[in-house]
């Protein structure tokens, strides 16, 4: 799939939004990818993750475990694991740090892939790498549906994306006039009570 093919899936789901958005990083952007609208539709999730799984197999070979951060990595992680014939697990925040709970484990020697929906700054990815560093197994790399940083984010491992885009984003105190004139909305999940 090309970048445009992936964005077409987001448009089909009504998930490519335009306006003034507060990203999970706190930065502002005129474009927001409401991936929950894509991942609420199994056929679209399968289409994207099946295409990404093919790229991952070619890049990393056999994967035993797909691990992602909650919330964004749960559905794509599961769907990727299904296409990679692997197990899917997820980390969740406990006292502000990502941890693998619920009986999830990784055995010595298992090859682990980190999965996320969209990468912007790479923070959730790096936190997942840190959580996995406390467990046995080998992190072979990471995957995301869309790399919003277009390859610039430090994710702490090799990253394979289905699409890489370069939507503009700005510091809250350095907005272009057209964005500053609009009310900002925060549609993401980070920081929700």
N, C-alpha and C. Protein backbone atom coordinates (compact mmCIF):
# COMPACT_ATOMS: atom_id res chain seq x y z
N UNK A 1 0.83 -1.19 0.00
CA UNK A 1 0.00 0.00 0.00
C UNK A 1 0.88 1.26 0.00
N UNK A 2 0.45 2.26 -0.71
CA UNK A 2 1.16 3.53 -0.72
C UNK A 2 0.65 4.42 0.42
N UNK A 3 1.36 5.51 0.68
CA UNK A 3 0.89 6.48 1.67
C UNK A 3 -0.53 6.92 1.35
N UNK A 4 -0.78 7.21 0.07
CA UNK A 4 -2.11 7.69 -0.33
C UNK A 4 -3.17 6.61 -0.12
N UNK A 5 -2.83 5.35 -0.36
CA UNK A 5 -3.77 4.25 -0.11
C UNK A 5 -4.17 4.20 1.37
N UNK A 6 -3.19 4.37 2.25
CA UNK A 6 -3.45 4.34 3.69
C UNK A 6 -4.32 5.52 4.09
N UNK A 7 -3.98 6.72 3.60
CA UNK A 7 -4.78 7.90 3.92
C UNK A 7 -6.20 7.77 3.36
N UNK A 8 -6.35 7.08 2.22
CA UNK A 8 -7.68 6.86 1.65
C UNK A 8 -8.53 6.00 2.59
N UNK A 9 -7.92 5.04 3.26
CA UNK A 9 -8.65 4.23 4.24
C UNK A 9 -9.11 5.11 5.40
N UNK A 10 -8.24 6.01 5.86
CA UNK A 10 -8.62 6.93 6.93
C UNK A 10 -9.75 7.86 6.48
N UNK A 11 -9.67 8.34 5.24
CA UNK A 11 -10.76 9.19 4.72
C UNK A 11 -12.07 8.40 4.64
N UNK A 12 -11.98 7.16 4.16
CA UNK A 12 -13.17 6.31 4.05
C UNK A 12 -13.86 6.14 5.40
N UNK A 13 -13.08 6.05 6.46
CA UNK A 13 -13.62 5.88 7.81
C UNK A 13 -14.02 7.21 8.46
N UNK A 14 -13.79 8.33 7.78
CA UNK A 14 -14.06 9.64 8.37
C UNK A 14 -13.06 9.97 9.45
N UNK A 15 -11.85 9.42 9.34
CA UNK A 15 -10.85 9.52 10.39
C UNK A 15 -9.72 10.51 10.10
N UNK A 16 -9.74 11.17 8.96
CA UNK A 16 -8.75 12.19 8.65
C UNK A 16 -9.45 13.53 8.85
N UNK A 17 -9.19 14.16 9.99
CA UNK A 17 -9.90 15.37 10.41
C UNK A 17 -9.05 16.60 10.19
N UNK A 18 -9.71 17.71 9.87
CA UNK A 18 -9.03 18.99 9.70
C UNK A 18 -9.64 20.01 10.65
N UNK A 19 -8.77 20.84 11.25
CA UNK A 19 -9.20 21.84 12.22
C UNK A 19 -7.99 22.30 13.03
N UNK A 20 -8.17 22.44 14.35
CA UNK A 20 -7.07 22.80 15.26
C UNK A 20 -7.09 21.78 16.39
N UNK A 21 -6.08 20.91 16.40
CA UNK A 21 -6.07 19.78 17.33
C UNK A 21 -4.86 19.83 18.25
N UNK A 22 -5.08 19.41 19.49
CA UNK A 22 -4.00 19.24 20.46
C UNK A 22 -3.62 17.76 20.40
N UNK A 23 -2.40 17.49 19.97
CA UNK A 23 -1.91 16.12 19.87
C UNK A 23 -1.53 15.60 21.25
N UNK A 24 -1.35 14.29 21.38
CA UNK A 24 -1.00 13.71 22.68
C UNK A 24 0.32 14.26 23.21
N UNK A 25 1.18 14.74 22.31
CA UNK A 25 2.46 15.33 22.71
C UNK A 25 2.29 16.75 23.26
N UNK A 26 1.09 17.33 23.08
CA UNK A 26 0.86 18.71 23.47
C UNK A 26 1.04 19.68 22.31
N UNK A 27 1.65 19.21 21.24
CA UNK A 27 1.83 20.06 20.06
C UNK A 27 0.49 20.22 19.36
N UNK A 28 0.40 21.20 18.47
CA UNK A 28 -0.84 21.51 17.78
C UNK A 28 -0.70 21.19 16.29
N UNK A 29 -1.81 20.79 15.67
CA UNK A 29 -1.77 20.46 14.26
C UNK A 29 -3.12 20.75 13.60
N UNK A 30 -3.10 21.10 12.31
CA UNK A 30 -4.35 21.27 11.57
C UNK A 30 -4.94 19.94 11.09
N UNK A 31 -4.22 18.83 11.33
CA UNK A 31 -4.68 17.51 10.88
C UNK A 31 -4.63 16.55 12.06
N UNK A 32 -5.71 15.77 12.23
CA UNK A 32 -5.74 14.75 13.27
C UNK A 32 -6.22 13.45 12.65
N UNK A 33 -5.54 12.37 12.99
CA UNK A 33 -5.92 11.04 12.51
C UNK A 33 -6.66 10.34 13.64
N UNK A 34 -7.99 10.26 13.53
CA UNK A 34 -8.82 9.63 14.56
C UNK A 34 -8.88 8.13 14.28
N UNK A 35 -7.78 7.48 14.62
CA UNK A 35 -7.61 6.06 14.28
C UNK A 35 -8.67 5.16 14.90
N UNK A 36 -9.30 5.59 15.98
CA UNK A 36 -10.36 4.77 16.58
C UNK A 36 -11.48 4.51 15.58
N UNK A 37 -11.73 5.46 14.68
CA UNK A 37 -12.76 5.27 13.66
C UNK A 37 -12.35 4.22 12.64
N UNK A 38 -11.06 4.09 12.38
CA UNK A 38 -10.56 3.05 11.48
C UNK A 38 -10.60 1.70 12.20
N UNK A 39 -10.07 1.65 13.43
CA UNK A 39 -9.97 0.38 14.14
C UNK A 39 -11.29 -0.12 14.69
N UNK A 40 -12.35 0.67 14.58
CA UNK A 40 -13.68 0.18 14.96
C UNK A 40 -14.30 -0.64 13.83
N UNK A 41 -13.64 -0.67 12.69
CA UNK A 41 -14.14 -1.40 11.52
C UNK A 41 -13.18 -2.55 11.19
N UNK A 42 -13.56 -3.78 11.53
CA UNK A 42 -12.65 -4.92 11.33
C UNK A 42 -12.11 -5.06 9.91
N UNK A 43 -12.92 -4.77 8.90
CA UNK A 43 -12.43 -4.94 7.53
C UNK A 43 -11.31 -3.95 7.21
N UNK A 44 -11.43 -2.71 7.71
CA UNK A 44 -10.38 -1.72 7.47
C UNK A 44 -9.13 -2.05 8.29
N UNK A 45 -9.33 -2.48 9.53
CA UNK A 45 -8.19 -2.89 10.38
C UNK A 45 -7.43 -4.03 9.73
N UNK A 46 -8.16 -5.02 9.23
CA UNK A 46 -7.52 -6.16 8.59
C UNK A 46 -6.75 -5.73 7.35
N UNK A 47 -7.35 -4.87 6.54
CA UNK A 47 -6.70 -4.42 5.31
C UNK A 47 -5.35 -3.76 5.61
N UNK A 48 -5.33 -2.85 6.58
CA UNK A 48 -4.10 -2.14 6.92
C UNK A 48 -3.07 -3.07 7.56
N UNK A 49 -3.51 -3.85 8.53
CA UNK A 49 -2.56 -4.70 9.28
C UNK A 49 -2.03 -5.86 8.45
N UNK A 50 -2.83 -6.38 7.55
CA UNK A 50 -2.35 -7.45 6.68
C UNK A 50 -1.23 -6.92 5.77
N UNK A 51 -1.42 -5.72 5.23
CA UNK A 51 -0.39 -5.12 4.38
C UNK A 51 0.88 -4.84 5.19
N UNK A 52 0.71 -4.33 6.41
CA UNK A 52 1.88 -4.06 7.26
C UNK A 52 2.58 -5.36 7.66
N UNK A 53 1.82 -6.40 7.95
CA UNK A 53 2.41 -7.69 8.35
C UNK A 53 3.33 -8.23 7.26
N UNK A 54 2.95 -8.04 6.00
CA UNK A 54 3.82 -8.50 4.90
C UNK A 54 5.16 -7.77 4.92
N UNK A 55 5.12 -6.46 5.16
CA UNK A 55 6.37 -5.69 5.24
C UNK A 55 7.21 -6.15 6.44
N UNK A 56 6.54 -6.45 7.54
CA UNK A 56 7.25 -6.84 8.76
C UNK A 56 7.95 -8.19 8.60
N UNK A 57 7.27 -9.14 7.99
CA UNK A 57 7.88 -10.45 7.77
C UNK A 57 9.11 -10.32 6.88
N UNK A 58 9.01 -9.49 5.85
CA UNK A 58 10.15 -9.28 4.95
C UNK A 58 11.31 -8.60 5.68
N UNK A 59 11.02 -7.75 6.65
CA UNK A 59 12.06 -7.00 7.36
C UNK A 59 12.64 -7.77 8.54
N UNK A 60 11.77 -8.37 9.37
CA UNK A 60 12.22 -8.96 10.64
C UNK A 60 12.19 -10.48 10.68
N UNK A 61 11.56 -11.12 9.73
CA UNK A 61 11.42 -12.58 9.79
C UNK A 61 10.36 -12.98 10.80
N UNK A 62 10.55 -14.12 11.43
CA UNK A 62 9.57 -14.68 12.37
C UNK A 62 9.45 -13.82 13.62
N UNK A 63 8.21 -13.53 14.01
CA UNK A 63 7.89 -12.79 15.23
C UNK A 63 7.10 -13.73 16.14
N UNK A 64 7.45 -13.77 17.42
CA UNK A 64 6.73 -14.62 18.38
C UNK A 64 5.68 -13.86 19.15
N UNK A 65 5.98 -12.61 19.49
CA UNK A 65 5.09 -11.80 20.33
C UNK A 65 4.99 -10.40 19.75
N UNK A 66 3.76 -9.89 19.67
CA UNK A 66 3.54 -8.50 19.29
C UNK A 66 3.09 -7.79 20.56
N UNK A 67 3.82 -6.75 20.95
CA UNK A 67 3.54 -6.03 22.20
C UNK A 67 3.29 -4.56 21.87
N UNK A 68 2.22 -4.02 22.44
CA UNK A 68 1.92 -2.62 22.19
C UNK A 68 1.49 -1.92 23.46
N UNK A 69 1.53 -0.60 23.43
CA UNK A 69 1.04 0.17 24.57
C UNK A 69 -0.48 0.32 24.50
N UNK A 70 -1.14 0.26 25.65
CA UNK A 70 -2.57 0.57 25.69
C UNK A 70 -2.69 2.08 25.59
N UNK A 71 -3.54 2.61 24.92
CA UNK A 71 -4.68 2.08 24.22
C UNK A 71 -4.35 1.85 22.75
N UNK A 72 -3.48 2.69 22.21
CA UNK A 72 -3.24 2.71 20.77
C UNK A 72 -2.67 1.46 20.16
N UNK A 73 -1.99 0.63 20.94
CA UNK A 73 -1.37 -0.55 20.37
C UNK A 73 -2.19 -1.82 20.50
N UNK A 74 -3.34 -1.76 21.17
CA UNK A 74 -4.09 -3.00 21.42
C UNK A 74 -4.68 -3.59 20.14
N UNK A 75 -5.47 -2.82 19.42
CA UNK A 75 -6.13 -3.39 18.23
C UNK A 75 -5.13 -3.66 17.11
N UNK A 76 -4.27 -2.70 16.73
CA UNK A 76 -3.31 -3.04 15.67
C UNK A 76 -2.35 -4.15 16.10
N UNK A 77 -2.00 -4.19 17.39
CA UNK A 77 -1.14 -5.27 17.87
C UNK A 77 -1.78 -6.63 17.72
N UNK A 78 -3.05 -6.72 18.09
CA UNK A 78 -3.78 -7.98 17.96
C UNK A 78 -3.89 -8.37 16.49
N UNK A 79 -4.29 -7.42 15.66
CA UNK A 79 -4.50 -7.73 14.24
C UNK A 79 -3.18 -8.08 13.55
N UNK A 80 -2.10 -7.40 13.90
CA UNK A 80 -0.79 -7.78 13.35
C UNK A 80 -0.39 -9.17 13.81
N UNK A 81 -0.60 -9.46 15.10
CA UNK A 81 -0.26 -10.78 15.64
C UNK A 81 -1.02 -11.87 14.90
N UNK A 82 -2.28 -11.61 14.59
CA UNK A 82 -3.08 -12.60 13.85
C UNK A 82 -2.45 -12.90 12.50
N UNK A 83 -2.00 -11.88 11.79
CA UNK A 83 -1.39 -12.09 10.47
C UNK A 83 0.04 -12.61 10.55
N UNK A 84 0.69 -12.42 11.68
CA UNK A 84 2.06 -12.90 11.86
C UNK A 84 2.11 -14.25 12.57
N UNK A 85 0.94 -14.78 12.92
CA UNK A 85 0.86 -16.04 13.67
C UNK A 85 1.66 -15.94 14.97
N UNK A 86 1.41 -14.86 15.71
CA UNK A 86 2.12 -14.59 16.95
C UNK A 86 1.11 -14.32 18.06
N UNK A 87 1.59 -14.19 19.29
CA UNK A 87 0.74 -13.78 20.41
C UNK A 87 0.71 -12.26 20.48
N UNK A 88 -0.36 -11.72 21.03
CA UNK A 88 -0.48 -10.27 21.22
C UNK A 88 -0.62 -9.96 22.70
N UNK A 89 0.19 -9.01 23.17
CA UNK A 89 0.10 -8.56 24.56
C UNK A 89 0.15 -7.03 24.56
N UNK A 90 -0.23 -6.42 25.67
CA UNK A 90 -0.16 -4.97 25.75
C UNK A 90 0.28 -4.51 27.12
N UNK A 91 0.90 -3.34 27.14
CA UNK A 91 1.34 -2.72 28.39
C UNK A 91 0.34 -1.63 28.74
N UNK A 92 0.18 -1.39 30.05
CA UNK A 92 -0.71 -0.33 30.50
C UNK A 92 -0.03 0.47 31.59
N UNK A 93 -0.53 1.67 31.80
CA UNK A 93 0.10 2.57 32.78
C UNK A 93 -0.26 2.17 34.20
N UNK A 94 0.78 2.04 35.03
CA UNK A 94 0.63 1.82 36.45
C UNK A 94 1.52 2.86 37.12
N UNK A 95 0.94 3.75 37.87
CA UNK A 95 1.68 4.84 38.51
C UNK A 95 2.53 5.60 37.50
N UNK A 96 1.97 5.83 36.31
CA UNK A 96 2.63 6.63 35.29
C UNK A 96 3.63 5.91 34.41
N UNK A 97 3.89 4.61 34.68
CA UNK A 97 4.85 3.85 33.86
C UNK A 97 4.15 2.68 33.19
N UNK A 98 4.57 2.39 31.96
CA UNK A 98 4.01 1.23 31.26
C UNK A 98 4.54 -0.06 31.87
N UNK A 99 3.62 -0.99 32.09
CA UNK A 99 3.96 -2.32 32.62
C UNK A 99 3.11 -3.37 31.92
N UNK A 100 3.66 -4.55 31.81
CA UNK A 100 2.90 -5.68 31.30
C UNK A 100 2.29 -6.41 32.48
N UNK A 101 0.97 -6.45 32.54
CA UNK A 101 0.23 -7.07 33.65
C UNK A 101 -0.65 -8.17 33.09
N UNK A 102 -1.69 -8.54 33.82
CA UNK A 102 -2.72 -9.48 33.38
C UNK A 102 -2.16 -10.86 33.03
N UNK A 103 -1.01 -11.18 33.59
CA UNK A 103 -0.41 -12.49 33.31
C UNK A 103 0.38 -12.56 32.02
N UNK A 104 0.55 -11.42 31.33
CA UNK A 104 1.33 -11.42 30.10
C UNK A 104 2.80 -11.69 30.43
N UNK A 105 3.42 -12.54 29.64
CA UNK A 105 4.84 -12.84 29.84
C UNK A 105 5.51 -13.05 28.49
N UNK A 106 6.82 -12.99 28.52
CA UNK A 106 7.65 -13.25 27.35
C UNK A 106 8.75 -14.19 27.78
N UNK A 107 8.94 -15.25 27.03
CA UNK A 107 9.96 -16.25 27.37
C UNK A 107 11.31 -15.85 26.79
N UNK A 108 12.35 -16.34 27.43
CA UNK A 108 13.71 -16.14 26.94
C UNK A 108 13.77 -16.59 25.48
N UNK A 109 14.36 -15.76 24.64
CA UNK A 109 14.55 -16.13 23.24
C UNK A 109 13.39 -15.76 22.32
N UNK A 110 12.25 -15.37 22.87
CA UNK A 110 11.14 -15.00 21.99
C UNK A 110 11.44 -13.67 21.31
N UNK A 111 11.07 -13.59 20.03
CA UNK A 111 11.29 -12.39 19.22
C UNK A 111 10.06 -11.50 19.32
N UNK A 112 10.29 -10.27 19.80
CA UNK A 112 9.19 -9.37 20.12
C UNK A 112 9.17 -8.18 19.16
N UNK A 113 7.99 -7.88 18.66
CA UNK A 113 7.76 -6.71 17.82
C UNK A 113 6.86 -5.76 18.60
N UNK A 114 7.21 -4.48 18.63
CA UNK A 114 6.36 -3.47 19.25
C UNK A 114 5.43 -2.92 18.19
N UNK A 115 4.14 -2.82 18.51
CA UNK A 115 3.16 -2.32 17.55
C UNK A 115 2.41 -1.13 18.14
N UNK A 116 2.21 -0.14 17.31
CA UNK A 116 1.50 1.08 17.69
C UNK A 116 0.64 1.50 16.51
N UNK A 117 -0.37 2.29 16.76
CA UNK A 117 -1.21 2.75 15.67
C UNK A 117 -0.52 3.87 14.88
N UNK A 118 -0.21 4.97 15.58
CA UNK A 118 0.40 6.13 14.93
C UNK A 118 1.56 6.62 15.79
N UNK A 119 2.67 6.92 15.16
CA UNK A 119 3.82 7.48 15.86
C UNK A 119 3.91 8.97 15.51
N UNK A 120 3.99 9.79 16.55
CA UNK A 120 4.19 11.23 16.35
C UNK A 120 5.55 11.64 16.92
N UNK A 121 5.71 11.51 18.24
CA UNK A 121 7.00 11.85 18.86
C UNK A 121 7.81 10.60 19.22
N UNK A 122 7.14 9.45 19.32
CA UNK A 122 7.82 8.21 19.69
C UNK A 122 7.80 7.92 21.18
N UNK A 123 7.17 8.78 21.99
CA UNK A 123 7.19 8.61 23.45
C UNK A 123 6.59 7.28 23.89
N UNK A 124 5.41 6.92 23.43
CA UNK A 124 4.79 5.64 23.84
C UNK A 124 5.65 4.46 23.42
N UNK A 125 6.25 4.59 22.25
CA UNK A 125 7.15 3.53 21.76
C UNK A 125 8.34 3.35 22.70
N UNK A 126 9.00 4.46 23.02
CA UNK A 126 10.17 4.38 23.90
C UNK A 126 9.78 3.83 25.27
N UNK A 127 8.62 4.22 25.78
CA UNK A 127 8.16 3.70 27.06
C UNK A 127 7.89 2.20 26.98
N UNK A 128 7.41 1.73 25.83
CA UNK A 128 7.18 0.30 25.65
C UNK A 128 8.51 -0.44 25.57
N UNK A 129 9.50 0.14 24.89
CA UNK A 129 10.84 -0.46 24.85
C UNK A 129 11.39 -0.60 26.27
N UNK A 130 11.23 0.45 27.09
CA UNK A 130 11.70 0.39 28.49
C UNK A 130 11.00 -0.72 29.27
N UNK A 131 9.69 -0.85 29.10
CA UNK A 131 8.94 -1.90 29.79
C UNK A 131 9.41 -3.29 29.34
N UNK A 132 9.71 -3.43 28.07
CA UNK A 132 10.19 -4.72 27.55
C UNK A 132 11.62 -5.02 27.98
N UNK A 133 12.41 -3.99 28.24
CA UNK A 133 13.78 -4.20 28.72
C UNK A 133 13.80 -4.92 30.06
N UNK A 134 12.71 -4.87 30.80
CA UNK A 134 12.63 -5.54 32.10
C UNK A 134 12.20 -7.00 31.97
N UNK A 135 11.96 -7.46 30.74
CA UNK A 135 11.49 -8.83 30.50
C UNK A 135 12.48 -9.57 29.61
N UNK A 136 12.45 -10.91 29.66
CA UNK A 136 13.30 -11.66 28.72
C UNK A 136 12.75 -11.50 27.29
N UNK A 137 13.42 -12.04 26.35
CA UNK A 137 13.01 -11.90 24.96
C UNK A 137 13.85 -10.85 24.27
N UNK A 138 13.71 -10.80 22.96
CA UNK A 138 14.52 -9.88 22.14
C UNK A 138 13.59 -8.97 21.34
N UNK A 139 13.68 -7.67 21.57
CA UNK A 139 12.93 -6.72 20.77
C UNK A 139 13.64 -6.61 19.42
N UNK A 140 12.96 -7.04 18.36
CA UNK A 140 13.57 -7.02 17.03
C UNK A 140 13.29 -5.71 16.29
N UNK A 141 12.22 -5.00 16.72
CA UNK A 141 11.88 -3.75 16.07
C UNK A 141 10.46 -3.34 16.38
N UNK A 142 9.99 -2.37 15.62
CA UNK A 142 8.66 -1.85 15.86
C UNK A 142 7.92 -1.61 14.57
N UNK A 143 6.60 -1.41 14.73
CA UNK A 143 5.74 -1.20 13.58
C UNK A 143 4.63 -0.22 13.93
N UNK A 144 4.21 0.53 12.94
CA UNK A 144 3.04 1.40 13.12
C UNK A 144 2.32 1.52 11.78
N UNK A 145 1.05 1.85 11.85
CA UNK A 145 0.29 2.05 10.63
C UNK A 145 0.76 3.33 9.95
N UNK A 146 0.82 4.44 10.72
CA UNK A 146 1.28 5.71 10.15
C UNK A 146 2.36 6.30 11.03
N UNK A 147 3.48 6.62 10.40
CA UNK A 147 4.55 7.37 11.07
C UNK A 147 4.35 8.83 10.73
N UNK A 148 3.73 9.53 11.65
CA UNK A 148 3.40 10.94 11.46
C UNK A 148 4.66 11.82 11.50
N UNK A 149 5.76 11.27 12.02
CA UNK A 149 7.01 12.03 12.09
C UNK A 149 7.82 11.91 10.80
N UNK A 150 7.36 11.08 9.89
CA UNK A 150 8.06 10.84 8.62
C UNK A 150 9.51 10.40 8.84
N UNK A 151 9.69 9.53 9.85
CA UNK A 151 11.02 8.98 10.13
C UNK A 151 11.86 9.76 11.11
N UNK A 152 11.37 10.88 11.62
CA UNK A 152 12.17 11.72 12.52
C UNK A 152 12.08 11.31 13.99
N UNK A 153 11.02 10.64 14.40
CA UNK A 153 10.84 10.30 15.81
C UNK A 153 11.84 9.23 16.25
N UNK A 154 12.38 9.40 17.44
CA UNK A 154 13.23 8.39 18.06
C UNK A 154 12.32 7.44 18.80
N UNK A 155 12.18 6.22 18.28
CA UNK A 155 11.30 5.24 18.93
C UNK A 155 12.08 4.20 19.74
N UNK A 156 13.39 4.26 19.71
CA UNK A 156 14.20 3.35 20.51
C UNK A 156 14.51 2.02 19.85
N UNK A 157 14.05 1.84 18.61
CA UNK A 157 14.35 0.61 17.86
C UNK A 157 14.06 0.89 16.38
N UNK A 158 14.36 -0.08 15.54
CA UNK A 158 14.06 0.07 14.10
C UNK A 158 12.55 0.09 13.93
N UNK A 159 12.04 1.03 13.13
CA UNK A 159 10.61 1.19 12.92
C UNK A 159 10.24 0.95 11.46
N UNK A 160 9.20 0.13 11.26
CA UNK A 160 8.63 -0.08 9.94
C UNK A 160 7.21 0.45 9.99
N UNK A 161 6.89 1.35 9.04
CA UNK A 161 5.53 1.90 8.99
C UNK A 161 4.88 1.53 7.67
N UNK A 162 3.55 1.48 7.71
CA UNK A 162 2.81 1.25 6.47
C UNK A 162 2.79 2.54 5.64
N UNK A 163 2.72 3.68 6.33
CA UNK A 163 2.75 4.98 5.66
C UNK A 163 3.56 5.95 6.51
N UNK A 164 4.22 6.87 5.87
CA UNK A 164 4.96 7.94 6.56
C UNK A 164 4.47 9.26 5.99
N UNK A 165 4.02 10.14 6.87
CA UNK A 165 3.48 11.43 6.42
C UNK A 165 4.18 12.55 7.16
N UNK A 166 4.00 13.75 6.66
CA UNK A 166 4.64 14.91 7.26
C UNK A 166 3.62 16.02 7.44
N UNK A 167 2.60 15.76 8.27
CA UNK A 167 1.62 16.79 8.58
C UNK A 167 2.29 17.83 9.47
N UNK A 168 1.98 19.10 9.29
CA UNK A 168 2.61 20.11 10.15
C UNK A 168 2.13 20.00 11.59
N UNK A 169 3.01 20.34 12.52
CA UNK A 169 2.62 20.48 13.92
C UNK A 169 3.46 21.60 14.52
N UNK A 170 2.90 22.23 15.57
CA UNK A 170 3.50 23.45 16.11
C UNK A 170 3.47 23.43 17.63
N UNK A 171 4.38 24.16 18.23
CA UNK A 171 4.32 24.41 19.67
C UNK A 171 3.10 25.29 19.92
N UNK A 172 2.47 25.11 21.08
CA UNK A 172 1.24 25.85 21.41
C UNK A 172 1.46 27.37 21.40
N UNK A 173 2.68 27.81 21.67
CA UNK A 173 2.95 29.25 21.71
C UNK A 173 3.56 29.78 20.41
N UNK A 174 3.52 28.96 19.35
CA UNK A 174 4.10 29.36 18.07
C UNK A 174 3.20 28.91 16.92
N UNK A 175 1.93 29.28 16.98
CA UNK A 175 0.95 28.84 15.99
C UNK A 175 0.87 29.81 14.81
N UNK A 176 0.64 29.31 13.61
CA UNK A 176 0.37 30.21 12.50
C UNK A 176 -0.99 30.90 12.75
N UNK A 177 -1.18 32.10 12.24
CA UNK A 177 -2.40 32.86 12.53
C UNK A 177 -3.70 32.12 12.24
N UNK A 178 -3.75 31.38 11.13
CA UNK A 178 -4.98 30.67 10.77
C UNK A 178 -5.33 29.57 11.79
N UNK A 179 -4.33 28.94 12.40
CA UNK A 179 -4.58 27.94 13.42
C UNK A 179 -4.93 28.60 14.75
N UNK A 180 -4.24 29.68 15.08
CA UNK A 180 -4.50 30.40 16.32
C UNK A 180 -5.92 30.96 16.36
N UNK A 181 -6.51 31.21 15.20
CA UNK A 181 -7.86 31.77 15.14
C UNK A 181 -8.95 30.74 15.42
N UNK A 182 -8.58 29.46 15.43
CA UNK A 182 -9.57 28.39 15.67
C UNK A 182 -9.47 27.88 17.10
N UNK A 183 -10.60 27.40 17.61
CA UNK A 183 -10.61 26.77 18.93
C UNK A 183 -9.91 25.40 18.83
N UNK A 184 -9.07 25.09 19.79
CA UNK A 184 -8.35 23.82 19.79
C UNK A 184 -9.18 22.73 20.47
N UNK A 185 -9.13 21.53 19.90
CA UNK A 185 -9.78 20.37 20.49
C UNK A 185 -8.75 19.28 20.73
N UNK A 186 -8.97 18.46 21.76
CA UNK A 186 -8.06 17.36 22.09
C UNK A 186 -8.81 16.05 21.96
N UNK A 187 -8.80 15.45 20.76
CA UNK A 187 -9.56 14.22 20.56
C UNK A 187 -8.85 12.93 20.93
N UNK A 188 -7.57 13.00 21.31
CA UNK A 188 -6.80 11.79 21.62
C UNK A 188 -7.09 11.24 23.00
N UNK A 189 -6.38 10.17 23.38
CA UNK A 189 -6.66 9.47 24.64
C UNK A 189 -5.70 9.83 25.77
N UNK A 190 -4.51 10.31 25.47
CA UNK A 190 -3.53 10.56 26.52
C UNK A 190 -4.01 11.69 27.43
N UNK A 191 -3.92 11.44 28.72
CA UNK A 191 -4.28 12.46 29.70
C UNK A 191 -5.76 12.47 30.06
N UNK A 192 -6.53 11.52 29.51
CA UNK A 192 -7.94 11.47 29.90
C UNK A 192 -8.08 10.97 31.32
N UNK A 193 -9.04 11.49 32.03
CA UNK A 193 -9.26 11.07 33.43
C UNK A 193 -10.01 9.76 33.46
